[in-house]
Amino acid sequence: MRKQNYLVFDIETAPLDFDTLSESQQDYIIRSAKTDEEIEQKKFEMGLSPITAQVVCIGTQLMQSTEDGNWEQIGRAALSVDNSFDYDKKELITLSTGDKCYLTNEARLLEDFWSILKKYDQATLVSFNGRNFDAPFLMLRSAIHRIKPSRNLMAGTKYNYPLHTDLIDELTFYNPSPYSASKRFNFDFYTRTFGLKSPKSEGVDGSMVGELFKDGKINEISEYCMRDINATWELFLVWYNYLKF
């Protein structure tokens, strides 16, 4: 049986500094806001777009199938950002979880990620909502830095795309609906439903990443991202063993 490689990935993002935007960009972002609360909400929402936010961490885990039907972990690490680093500076730290974390700036982080995908060009990507968020975010941030992706993460169609298992598509059978059996839920809801440990169980969730990054708490972000990786892989195994045909 031919061995199969699966690369689990997840990203964390944080809004750009609002004051670094041009006056016209600032006006565009808050143009419909009427109150101070609405203005702050608009600034918070900047973290969802690669045009107004940056990548601060990419969690990765490479798994390979074995001849006896099990899985072997080939590699696992967080690629994280320290905006004080220039392109040539890179530092390896060990997180409290024992995971490796490579600190660098965003441009170097993106190049390192694309190098991994180039090395394992036949690996199937595994994500949760990656086609809607992580993949286009990574590609657009790369273009902003004038970096050419080594793989088109948006290749294919909405219903048929190569070498990528997006679990939100699989768990809604490519037919999400707000009122049917294929209703779409968030990641935390799926993990708890299938009896898996939620990444939020340690007190950090995605909505906190922007503030954590502003406070320089990249270790906490990286550890949260790697918990996302753990849960994504465990959810993938549920799908792979019981729903994949």
C-alpha atoms as a PDB file:
ATOM      1  CA  MET A   1       0.000   0.000   0.000  1.00  0.00           C
ATOM      2  CA  ARG A   2       1.393   3.376  -1.013  1.00  0.00           C
ATOM      3  CA  LYS A   3       2.086   5.636   1.939  1.00  0.00           C
ATOM      4  CA  GLN A   4       0.010   8.810   2.077  1.00  0.00           C
ATOM      5  CA  ASN A   5       1.110  12.138   3.524  1.00  0.00           C
ATOM      6  CA  TYR A   6      -1.328  14.543   5.153  1.00  0.00           C
ATOM      7  CA  LEU A   7      -0.279  18.040   6.170  1.00  0.00           C
ATOM      8  CA  VAL A   8      -2.523  19.589   8.816  1.00  0.00           C
ATOM      9  CA  PHE A   9      -2.360  23.386   8.899  1.00  0.00           C
ATOM     10  CA  ASP A  10      -4.035  26.278  10.662  1.00  0.00           C
ATOM     11  CA  ILE A  11      -3.319  29.995  10.845  1.00  0.00           C
ATOM     12  CA  GLU A  12      -3.803  32.733  13.421  1.00  0.00           C
ATOM     13  CA  THR A  13      -4.130  36.350  12.315  1.00  0.00           C
ATOM     14  CA  ALA A  14      -4.079  39.793  13.889  1.00  0.00           C
ATOM     15  CA  PRO A  15      -5.220  43.195  12.606  1.00  0.00           C
ATOM     16  CA  LEU A  16      -2.642  45.610  11.257  1.00  0.00           C
ATOM     17  CA  ASP A  17      -2.057  48.740  13.314  1.00  0.00           C
ATOM     18  CA  PHE A  18      -4.940  51.013  12.340  1.00  0.00           C
ATOM     19  CA  ASP A  19      -2.694  54.075  12.534  1.00  0.00           C
ATOM     20  CA  THR A  20      -0.403  52.676   9.816  1.00  0.00           C
ATOM     21  CA  LEU A  21      -3.232  52.800   7.274  1.00  0.00           C
ATOM     22  CA  SER A  22      -3.717  55.792   5.029  1.00  0.00           C
ATOM     23  CA  GLU A  23      -6.460  58.287   5.848  1.00  0.00           C
ATOM     24  CA  SER A  24      -8.589  57.034   2.964  1.00  0.00           C
ATOM     25  CA  GLN A  25      -8.193  53.420   4.128  1.00  0.00           C
ATOM     26  CA  GLN A  26      -9.160  54.351   7.677  1.00  0.00           C
ATOM     27  CA  ASP A  27     -12.221  56.214   6.426  1.00  0.00           C
ATOM     28  CA  TYR A  28     -13.203  53.227   4.281  1.00  0.00           C
ATOM     29  CA  ILE A  29     -13.039  50.807   7.222  1.00  0.00           C
ATOM     30  CA  ILE A  30     -15.119  52.870   9.667  1.00  0.00           C
ATOM     31  CA  ARG A  31     -17.362  54.710   7.193  1.00  0.00           C
ATOM     32  CA  SER A  32     -20.575  52.966   8.309  1.00  0.00           C
ATOM     33  CA  ALA A  33     -19.795  53.070  12.041  1.00  0.00           C
ATOM     34  CA  LYS A  34     -21.842  55.557  14.066  1.00  0.00           C
ATOM     35  CA  THR A  35     -20.683  54.972  17.642  1.00  0.00           C
ATOM     36  CA  ASP A  36     -17.353  54.349  19.366  1.00  0.00           C
ATOM     37  CA  GLU A  37     -18.424  50.731  19.930  1.00  0.00           C
ATOM     38  CA  GLU A  38     -19.127  50.282  16.226  1.00  0.00           C
ATOM     39  CA  ILE A  39     -15.751  51.810  15.330  1.00  0.00           C
ATOM     40  CA  GLU A  40     -13.974  49.374  17.651  1.00  0.00           C
ATOM     41  CA  GLN A  41     -15.938  46.485  16.140  1.00  0.00           C
ATOM     42  CA  LYS A  42     -14.833  47.532  12.647  1.00  0.00           C
ATOM     43  CA  LYS A  43     -11.221  47.626  13.804  1.00  0.00           C
ATOM     44  CA  PHE A  44     -11.625  44.178  15.377  1.00  0.00           C
ATOM     45  CA  GLU A  45     -13.029  42.796  12.118  1.00  0.00           C
ATOM     46  CA  MET A  46      -9.853  43.902  10.324  1.00  0.00           C
ATOM     47  CA  GLY A  47      -8.301  40.674  11.592  1.00  0.00           C
ATOM     48  CA  LEU A  48     -10.441  38.608   9.228  1.00  0.00           C
ATOM     49  CA  SER A  49      -9.055  40.024   5.970  1.00  0.00           C
ATOM     50  CA  PRO A  50      -5.555  39.615   4.510  1.00  0.00           C
ATOM     51  CA  ILE A  51      -5.847  43.202   3.255  1.00  0.00           C
ATOM     52  CA  THR A  52      -6.125  44.572   6.806  1.00  0.00           C
ATOM     53  CA  ALA A  53      -4.445  41.844   8.872  1.00  0.00           C
ATOM     54  CA  GLN A  54      -1.304  39.746   8.954  1.00  0.00           C
ATOM     55  CA  VAL A  55      -0.455  36.132   9.657  1.00  0.00           C
ATOM     56  CA  VAL A  56       1.011  35.760  13.145  1.00  0.00           C
ATOM     57  CA  CYS A  57       1.247  31.957  13.346  1.00  0.00           C
ATOM     58  CA  ILE A  58       0.964  28.901  11.117  1.00  0.00           C
ATOM     59  CA  GLY A  59       0.627  25.567  12.854  1.00  0.00           C
ATOM     60  CA  THR A  60       1.787  22.534  10.871  1.00  0.00           C
ATOM     61  CA  GLN A  61       1.797  18.782  11.375  1.00  0.00           C
ATOM     62  CA  LEU A  62       2.842  16.218   8.774  1.00  0.00           C
ATOM     63  CA  MET A  63       1.373  12.747   9.143  1.00  0.00           C
ATOM     64  CA  GLN A  64       2.147   9.639   7.090  1.00  0.00           C
ATOM     65  CA  SER A  65       0.146   6.453   6.823  1.00  0.00           C
ATOM     66  CA  THR A  66       1.849   3.204   7.797  1.00  0.00           C
ATOM     67  CA  GLU A  67       1.575  -0.255   6.302  1.00  0.00           C
ATOM     68  CA  ASP A  68      -0.441  -1.514   9.276  1.00  0.00           C
ATOM     69  CA  GLY A  69      -3.116   1.142   8.784  1.00  0.00           C
ATOM     70  CA  ASN A  70      -1.909   3.533  11.468  1.00  0.00           C
ATOM     71  CA  TRP A  71      -0.301   6.979  11.292  1.00  0.00           C
ATOM     72  CA  GLU A  72       3.203   8.232  11.935  1.00  0.00           C
ATOM     73  CA  GLN A  73       4.032  11.846  12.751  1.00  0.00           C
ATOM     74  CA  ILE A  74       6.822  13.035  10.429  1.00  0.00           C
ATOM     75  CA  GLY A  75       7.052  16.647  11.556  1.00  0.00           C
ATOM     76  CA  ARG A  76       5.297  19.218  13.688  1.00  0.00           C
ATOM     77  CA  ALA A  77       6.033  22.879  14.418  1.00  0.00           C
ATOM     78  CA  ALA A  78       4.612  26.364  14.721  1.00  0.00           C
ATOM     79  CA  LEU A  79       5.882  29.139  12.454  1.00  0.00           C
ATOM     80  CA  SER A  80       5.322  32.394  14.317  1.00  0.00           C
ATOM     81  CA  VAL A  81       5.893  36.109  13.841  1.00  0.00           C
ATOM     82  CA  ASP A  82       7.820  38.688  15.795  1.00  0.00           C
ATOM     83  CA  ASN A  83       7.473  42.001  13.974  1.00  0.00           C
ATOM     84  CA  SER A  84      10.727  43.245  15.502  1.00  0.00           C
ATOM     85  CA  PHE A  85      12.655  40.644  13.474  1.00  0.00           C
ATOM     86  CA  ASP A  86      14.091  41.505  10.082  1.00  0.00           C
ATOM     87  CA  TYR A  87      14.099  39.001   7.222  1.00  0.00           C
ATOM     88  CA  ASP A  88      17.452  37.448   8.141  1.00  0.00           C
ATOM     89  CA  LYS A  89      16.641  36.869  11.803  1.00  0.00           C
ATOM     90  CA  LYS A  90      15.172  33.525  12.820  1.00  0.00           C
ATOM     91  CA  GLU A  91      14.971  31.964  16.264  1.00  0.00           C
ATOM     92  CA  LEU A  92      13.949  28.507  17.452  1.00  0.00           C
ATOM     93  CA  ILE A  93      12.139  28.293  20.776  1.00  0.00           C
ATOM     94  CA  THR A  94      10.376  25.451  22.564  1.00  0.00           C
ATOM     95  CA  LEU A  95       6.808  26.027  23.699  1.00  0.00           C
ATOM     96  CA  SER A  96       5.498  24.804  27.057  1.00  0.00           C
ATOM     97  CA  THR A  97       3.707  22.069  25.090  1.00  0.00           C
ATOM     98  CA  GLY A  98       7.097  20.775  23.920  1.00  0.00           C
ATOM     99  CA  ASP A  99       6.429  21.881  20.347  1.00  0.00           C
ATOM    100  CA  LYS A 100       9.062  23.625  18.265  1.00  0.00           C
ATOM    101  CA  CYS A 101       8.292  27.211  17.297  1.00  0.00           C
ATOM    102  CA  TYR A 102      10.288  29.132  14.690  1.00  0.00           C
ATOM    103  CA  LEU A 103      10.144  32.904  15.192  1.00  0.00           C
ATOM    104  CA  THR A 104      10.737  35.244  12.254  1.00  0.00           C
ATOM    105  CA  ASN A 105       8.975  38.055  10.398  1.00  0.00           C
ATOM    106  CA  GLU A 106       5.855  37.532   8.293  1.00  0.00           C
ATOM    107  CA  ALA A 107       7.572  37.463   4.902  1.00  0.00           C
ATOM    108  CA  ARG A 108      10.092  34.838   5.998  1.00  0.00           C
ATOM    109  CA  LEU A 109       7.329  32.827   7.690  1.00  0.00           C
ATOM    110  CA  LEU A 110       5.353  32.711   4.447  1.00  0.00           C
ATOM    111  CA  GLU A 111       8.405  31.647   2.438  1.00  0.00           C
ATOM    112  CA  ASP A 112       9.115  28.881   4.952  1.00  0.00           C
ATOM    113  CA  PHE A 113       5.520  27.645   4.697  1.00  0.00           C
ATOM    114  CA  TRP A 114       5.630  27.525   0.900  1.00  0.00           C
ATOM    115  CA  SER A 115       8.947  25.666   1.107  1.00  0.00           C
ATOM    116  CA  ILE A 116       7.258  22.974   3.202  1.00  0.00           C
ATOM    117  CA  LEU A 117       4.467  22.646   0.645  1.00  0.00           C
ATOM    118  CA  LYS A 118       7.004  22.462  -2.181  1.00  0.00           C
ATOM    119  CA  LYS A 119       8.943  19.702  -0.419  1.00  0.00           C
ATOM    120  CA  TYR A 120       5.759  17.707   0.208  1.00  0.00           C
ATOM    121  CA  ASP A 121       3.999  18.606  -3.011  1.00  0.00           C
ATOM    122  CA  GLN A 122       1.884  15.433  -3.017  1.00  0.00           C
ATOM    123  CA  ALA A 123       0.738  15.778   0.575  1.00  0.00           C
ATOM    124  CA  THR A 124      -2.982  16.264   1.083  1.00  0.00           C
ATOM    125  CA  LEU A 125      -3.710  19.353   3.137  1.00  0.00           C
ATOM    126  CA  VAL A 126      -6.079  19.042   6.077  1.00  0.00           C
ATOM    127  CA  SER A 127      -7.875  22.085   7.468  1.00  0.00           C
ATOM    128  CA  PHE A 128     -11.087  23.313   9.020  1.00  0.00           C
ATOM    129  CA  ASN A 129     -12.566  26.092   6.871  1.00  0.00           C
ATOM    130  CA  GLY A 130      -9.221  26.376   5.112  1.00  0.00           C
ATOM    131  CA  ARG A 131     -10.711  26.905   1.666  1.00  0.00           C
ATOM    132  CA  ASN A 132     -12.723  29.866   2.898  1.00  0.00           C
ATOM    133  CA  PHE A 133     -10.171  31.481   5.196  1.00  0.00           C
ATOM    134  CA  ASP A 134      -6.654  30.071   5.671  1.00  0.00           C
ATOM    135  CA  ALA A 135      -5.864  29.334   2.013  1.00  0.00           C
ATOM    136  CA  PRO A 136      -6.900  32.668   0.441  1.00  0.00           C
ATOM    137  CA  PHE A 137      -5.436  34.556   3.404  1.00  0.00           C
ATOM    138  CA  LEU A 138      -2.019  32.939   2.933  1.00  0.00           C
ATOM    139  CA  MET A 139      -2.035  33.494  -0.814  1.00  0.00           C
ATOM    140  CA  LEU A 140      -3.016  37.156  -0.630  1.00  0.00           C
ATOM    141  CA  ARG A 141      -0.564  37.970   2.178  1.00  0.00           C
ATOM    142  CA  SER A 142       2.136  36.308   0.096  1.00  0.00           C
ATOM    143  CA  ALA A 143       1.283  38.479  -2.911  1.00  0.00           C
ATOM    144  CA  ILE A 144       1.433  41.594  -0.721  1.00  0.00           C
ATOM    145  CA  HIS A 145       4.982  40.576   0.196  1.00  0.00           C
ATOM    146  CA  ARG A 146       5.711  39.740  -3.469  1.00  0.00           C
ATOM    147  CA  ILE A 147       6.119  36.049  -2.654  1.00  0.00           C
ATOM    148  CA  LYS A 148       4.989  33.440  -5.177  1.00  0.00           C
ATOM    149  CA  PRO A 149       3.106  30.532  -3.543  1.00  0.00           C
ATOM    150  CA  SER A 150       4.508  27.102  -4.388  1.00  0.00           C
ATOM    151  CA  ARG A 151       0.982  25.699  -4.668  1.00  0.00           C
ATOM    152  CA  ASN A 152      -2.341  27.172  -5.753  1.00  0.00           C
ATOM    153  CA  LEU A 153      -4.391  26.546  -2.632  1.00  0.00           C
ATOM    154  CA  MET A 154      -7.551  27.711  -4.406  1.00  0.00           C
ATOM    155  CA  ALA A 155      -7.267  25.342  -7.381  1.00  0.00           C
ATOM    156  CA  GLY A 156     -10.377  23.419  -8.390  1.00  0.00           C
ATOM    157  CA  THR A 157     -13.989  24.331  -7.726  1.00  0.00           C
ATOM    158  CA  LYS A 158     -16.150  24.803  -4.646  1.00  0.00           C
ATOM    159  CA  TYR A 159     -17.218  21.165  -4.813  1.00  0.00           C
ATOM    160  CA  ASN A 160     -14.092  19.495  -6.173  1.00  0.00           C
ATOM    161  CA  TYR A 161     -10.569  20.586  -5.311  1.00  0.00           C
ATOM    162  CA  PRO A 162      -7.345  18.557  -5.324  1.00  0.00           C
ATOM    163  CA  LEU A 163      -5.094  17.498  -2.443  1.00  0.00           C
ATOM    164  CA  HIS A 164      -7.044  19.270   0.294  1.00  0.00           C
ATOM    165  CA  THR A 165      -9.533  17.929   2.812  1.00  0.00           C
ATOM    166  CA  ASP A 166     -11.463  20.826   4.313  1.00  0.00           C
ATOM    167  CA  LEU A 167     -13.412  19.306   7.181  1.00  0.00           C
ATOM    168  CA  ILE A 168     -16.144  21.932   7.175  1.00  0.00           C
ATOM    169  CA  ASP A 169     -17.025  20.878   3.619  1.00  0.00           C
ATOM    170  CA  GLU A 170     -16.869  17.192   4.473  1.00  0.00           C
ATOM    171  CA  LEU A 171     -18.979  17.504   7.631  1.00  0.00           C
ATOM    172  CA  THR A 172     -21.657  19.505   5.807  1.00  0.00           C
ATOM    173  CA  PHE A 173     -21.452  17.211   2.749  1.00  0.00           C
ATOM    174  CA  TYR A 174     -20.636  20.241   0.575  1.00  0.00           C
ATOM    175  CA  ASN A 175     -24.213  21.396   1.156  1.00  0.00           C
ATOM    176  CA  PRO A 176     -24.312  23.661   4.224  1.00  0.00           C
ATOM    177  CA  SER A 177     -27.715  24.978   5.179  1.00  0.00           C
ATOM    178  CA  PRO A 178     -28.896  26.916   8.247  1.00  0.00           C
ATOM    179  CA  TYR A 179     -31.887  24.618   8.768  1.00  0.00           C
ATOM    180  CA  SER A 180     -30.968  21.127   7.537  1.00  0.00           C
ATOM    181  CA  ALA A 181     -29.073  18.072   8.782  1.00  0.00           C
ATOM    182  CA  SER A 182     -25.983  19.573   7.152  1.00  0.00           C
ATOM    183  CA  LYS A 183     -26.132  22.775   9.200  1.00  0.00           C
ATOM    184  CA  ARG A 184     -22.734  24.379   9.655  1.00  0.00           C
ATOM    185  CA  PHE A 185     -21.275  24.839  13.168  1.00  0.00           C
ATOM    186  CA  ASN A 186     -18.039  26.347  14.423  1.00  0.00           C
ATOM    187  CA  PHE A 187     -14.917  24.316  15.174  1.00  0.00           C
ATOM    188  CA  ASP A 188     -15.410  24.316  18.946  1.00  0.00           C
ATOM    189  CA  PHE A 189     -18.945  22.917  18.522  1.00  0.00           C
ATOM    190  CA  TYR A 190     -17.760  20.061  16.279  1.00  0.00           C
ATOM    191  CA  THR A 191     -14.905  19.062  18.575  1.00  0.00           C
ATOM    192  CA  ARG A 192     -17.155  18.916  21.626  1.00  0.00           C
ATOM    193  CA  THR A 193     -19.867  17.034  19.723  1.00  0.00           C
ATOM    194  CA  PHE A 194     -17.413  14.321  18.659  1.00  0.00           C
ATOM    195  CA  GLY A 195     -15.919  14.068  22.149  1.00  0.00           C
ATOM    196  CA  LEU A 196     -12.615  15.749  21.294  1.00  0.00           C
ATOM    197  CA  LYS A 197     -10.656  18.282  23.324  1.00  0.00           C
ATOM    198  CA  SER A 198     -11.569  21.775  22.174  1.00  0.00           C
ATOM    199  CA  PRO A 199      -8.690  24.184  21.447  1.00  0.00           C
ATOM    200  CA  LYS A 200     -10.585  26.693  23.610  1.00  0.00           C
ATOM    201  CA  SER A 201     -10.335  24.451  26.674  1.00  0.00           C
ATOM    202  CA  GLU A 202      -7.167  26.238  27.876  1.00  0.00           C
ATOM    203  CA  GLY A 203      -8.887  29.635  27.997  1.00  0.00           C
ATOM    204  CA  VAL A 204      -7.722  31.095  24.665  1.00  0.00           C
ATOM    205  CA  ASP A 205      -9.780  31.462  21.509  1.00  0.00           C
ATOM    206  CA  GLY A 206      -9.319  33.080  18.124  1.00  0.00           C
ATOM    207  CA  SER A 207     -11.024  36.321  19.133  1.00  0.00           C
ATOM    208  CA  MET A 208      -8.210  36.954  21.629  1.00  0.00           C
ATOM    209  CA  VAL A 209      -5.295  36.594  19.207  1.00  0.00           C
ATOM    210  CA  GLY A 210      -5.175  40.253  18.161  1.00  0.00           C
ATOM    211  CA  GLU A 211      -4.816  41.501  21.739  1.00  0.00           C
ATOM    212  CA  LEU A 212      -2.381  38.733  22.651  1.00  0.00           C
ATOM    213  CA  PHE A 213      -0.204  39.648  19.668  1.00  0.00           C
ATOM    214  CA  LYS A 214      -0.323  43.334  20.578  1.00  0.00           C
ATOM    215  CA  ASP A 215       0.880  42.359  24.069  1.00  0.00           C
ATOM    216  CA  GLY A 216       3.756  40.293  22.638  1.00  0.00           C
ATOM    217  CA  LYS A 217       2.332  36.982  23.849  1.00  0.00           C
ATOM    218  CA  ILE A 218       3.335  34.953  20.800  1.00  0.00           C
ATOM    219  CA  ASN A 219       3.960  31.818  22.888  1.00  0.00           C
ATOM    220  CA  GLU A 220       0.330  31.744  24.013  1.00  0.00           C
ATOM    221  CA  ILE A 221      -0.835  32.247  20.415  1.00  0.00           C
ATOM    222  CA  SER A 222       1.461  29.510  19.120  1.00  0.00           C
ATOM    223  CA  GLU A 223       0.343  27.036  21.779  1.00  0.00           C
ATOM    224  CA  TYR A 224      -3.301  27.781  20.982  1.00  0.00           C
ATOM    225  CA  CYS A 225      -2.592  27.270  17.267  1.00  0.00           C
ATOM    226  CA  MET A 226      -0.979  23.904  17.951  1.00  0.00           C
ATOM    227  CA  ARG A 227      -4.033  22.884  20.008  1.00  0.00           C
ATOM    228  CA  ASP A 228      -6.035  23.731  16.887  1.00  0.00           C
ATOM    229  CA  ILE A 229      -3.753  21.383  14.959  1.00  0.00           C
ATOM    230  CA  ASN A 230      -4.338  18.592  17.492  1.00  0.00           C
ATOM    231  CA  ALA A 231      -8.112  18.970  17.295  1.00  0.00           C
ATOM    232  CA  THR A 232      -8.113  19.267  13.509  1.00  0.00           C
ATOM    233  CA  TRP A 233      -6.212  16.000  13.162  1.00  0.00           C
ATOM    234  CA  GLU A 234      -8.468  14.211  15.651  1.00  0.00           C
ATOM    235  CA  LEU A 235     -11.554  15.479  13.822  1.00  0.00           C
ATOM    236  CA  PHE A 236     -10.005  14.373  10.527  1.00  0.00           C
ATOM    237  CA  LEU A 237      -9.576  10.852  11.922  1.00  0.00           C
ATOM    238  CA  VAL A 238     -13.273  10.734  12.841  1.00  0.00           C
ATOM    239  CA  TRP A 239     -14.179  11.719   9.296  1.00  0.00           C
ATOM    240  CA  TYR A 240     -11.548   9.430   7.725  1.00  0.00           C
ATOM    241  CA  ASN A 241     -12.569   6.358   9.709  1.00  0.00           C
ATOM    242  CA  TYR A 242     -16.355   6.764   9.660  1.00  0.00           C
ATOM    243  CA  LEU A 243     -17.431   9.092   6.862  1.00  0.00           C
ATOM    244  CA  LYS A 244     -14.857   8.803   4.089  1.00  0.00           C
ATOM    245  CA  PHE A 245     -15.935   6.607   1.162  1.00  0.00           C
END
